[in-house]
Amino acid sequence: MAKIGRNILCPCGSGKKYKNCCAAKKNYDWDSALLSKF
């Protein structure tokens, strides 16, 4: 699983910081979210 810093933009594409968006989602598939950007 990819490590996500709490103060970077959330990889889900919302434009919010990770800590204010998806930080609480335990089962979020970060690898798929990051790969879908490319």
N, C-alpha and C. Protein backbone atom coordinates (compact mmCIF):
# COMPACT_ATOMS: atom_id res chain seq x y z
N MET A 1 0.84 -1.17 0.00
CA MET A 1 0.00 0.00 0.00
C MET A 1 0.89 1.24 0.00
N ALA A 2 0.51 2.25 -0.76
CA ALA A 2 1.27 3.48 -0.84
C ALA A 2 1.09 4.31 0.43
N LYS A 3 2.16 4.98 0.87
CA LYS A 3 2.06 5.87 2.02
C LYS A 3 1.60 7.24 1.54
N ILE A 4 0.64 7.80 2.25
CA ILE A 4 0.09 9.10 1.89
C ILE A 4 0.35 10.06 3.05
N GLY A 5 1.00 11.21 2.76
CA GLY A 5 1.22 12.22 3.79
C GLY A 5 -0.09 12.92 4.12
N ARG A 6 -0.26 13.32 5.36
CA ARG A 6 -1.53 13.91 5.79
C ARG A 6 -1.77 15.31 5.23
N ASN A 7 -0.73 16.03 4.82
CA ASN A 7 -0.89 17.40 4.37
C ASN A 7 -0.82 17.57 2.85
N ILE A 8 -0.74 16.47 2.11
CA ILE A 8 -0.74 16.58 0.66
C ILE A 8 -2.18 16.53 0.15
N LEU A 9 -2.37 16.87 -1.12
CA LEU A 9 -3.71 16.79 -1.69
C LEU A 9 -4.15 15.34 -1.73
N CYS A 10 -5.40 15.12 -1.45
CA CYS A 10 -5.95 13.77 -1.41
C CYS A 10 -5.94 13.16 -2.82
N PRO A 11 -5.50 11.92 -2.95
CA PRO A 11 -5.46 11.28 -4.26
C PRO A 11 -6.83 10.93 -4.82
N CYS A 12 -7.89 11.13 -4.06
CA CYS A 12 -9.23 10.82 -4.58
C CYS A 12 -9.68 11.85 -5.60
N GLY A 13 -8.98 12.99 -5.66
CA GLY A 13 -9.32 14.01 -6.66
C GLY A 13 -10.24 15.10 -6.17
N SER A 14 -10.52 15.16 -4.88
CA SER A 14 -11.45 16.16 -4.35
C SER A 14 -10.84 17.56 -4.30
N GLY A 15 -9.51 17.65 -4.28
CA GLY A 15 -8.84 18.93 -4.15
C GLY A 15 -8.60 19.34 -2.71
N LYS A 16 -9.05 18.52 -1.76
CA LYS A 16 -8.85 18.78 -0.34
C LYS A 16 -7.57 18.11 0.13
N LYS A 17 -7.07 18.54 1.30
CA LYS A 17 -5.95 17.84 1.91
C LYS A 17 -6.43 16.48 2.38
N TYR A 18 -5.52 15.51 2.33
CA TYR A 18 -5.85 14.14 2.71
C TYR A 18 -6.43 14.07 4.11
N LYS A 19 -5.86 14.82 5.07
CA LYS A 19 -6.32 14.73 6.46
C LYS A 19 -7.74 15.25 6.63
N ASN A 20 -8.20 16.10 5.71
CA ASN A 20 -9.56 16.63 5.78
C ASN A 20 -10.53 15.91 4.85
N CYS A 21 -10.06 14.88 4.18
CA CYS A 21 -10.90 14.20 3.19
C CYS A 21 -11.02 12.71 3.50
N CYS A 22 -10.08 11.92 3.04
CA CYS A 22 -10.19 10.46 3.11
C CYS A 22 -9.36 9.81 4.21
N ALA A 23 -8.79 10.59 5.11
CA ALA A 23 -7.93 10.02 6.16
C ALA A 23 -8.69 9.03 7.04
N ALA A 24 -9.98 9.24 7.20
CA ALA A 24 -10.77 8.36 8.08
C ALA A 24 -11.26 7.10 7.37
N LYS A 25 -11.12 7.04 6.06
CA LYS A 25 -11.59 5.86 5.32
C LYS A 25 -10.57 4.74 5.47
N LYS A 26 -10.96 3.69 6.13
CA LYS A 26 -10.04 2.59 6.41
C LYS A 26 -9.83 1.67 5.21
N ASN A 27 -10.83 1.48 4.36
CA ASN A 27 -10.74 0.52 3.27
C ASN A 27 -10.57 1.18 1.90
N TYR A 28 -10.09 2.41 1.87
CA TYR A 28 -9.89 3.11 0.61
C TYR A 28 -8.73 2.47 -0.14
N ASP A 29 -8.89 2.19 -1.41
CA ASP A 29 -7.86 1.53 -2.21
C ASP A 29 -6.95 2.58 -2.84
N TRP A 30 -5.90 2.97 -2.09
CA TRP A 30 -5.00 4.03 -2.53
C TRP A 30 -4.26 3.67 -3.81
N ASP A 31 -3.84 2.43 -3.95
CA ASP A 31 -3.10 2.03 -5.14
C ASP A 31 -3.94 2.24 -6.39
N SER A 32 -5.19 1.87 -6.35
CA SER A 32 -6.06 2.06 -7.50
C SER A 32 -6.33 3.54 -7.75
N ALA A 33 -6.49 4.31 -6.69
CA ALA A 33 -6.74 5.74 -6.83
C ALA A 33 -5.55 6.44 -7.47
N LEU A 34 -4.33 6.07 -7.05
CA LEU A 34 -3.14 6.68 -7.61
C LEU A 34 -2.92 6.26 -9.05
N LEU A 35 -3.17 5.00 -9.37
CA LEU A 35 -2.95 4.52 -10.73
C LEU A 35 -4.00 5.07 -11.70
N SER A 36 -5.19 5.36 -11.22
CA SER A 36 -6.24 5.86 -12.10
C SER A 36 -5.95 7.29 -12.57
N LYS A 37 -5.03 7.99 -11.91
CA LYS A 37 -4.66 9.36 -12.30
C LYS A 37 -3.84 9.37 -13.59
N PHE A 38 -3.23 8.25 -13.94
CA PHE A 38 -2.33 8.20 -15.10
C PHE A 38 -2.98 7.63 -16.31
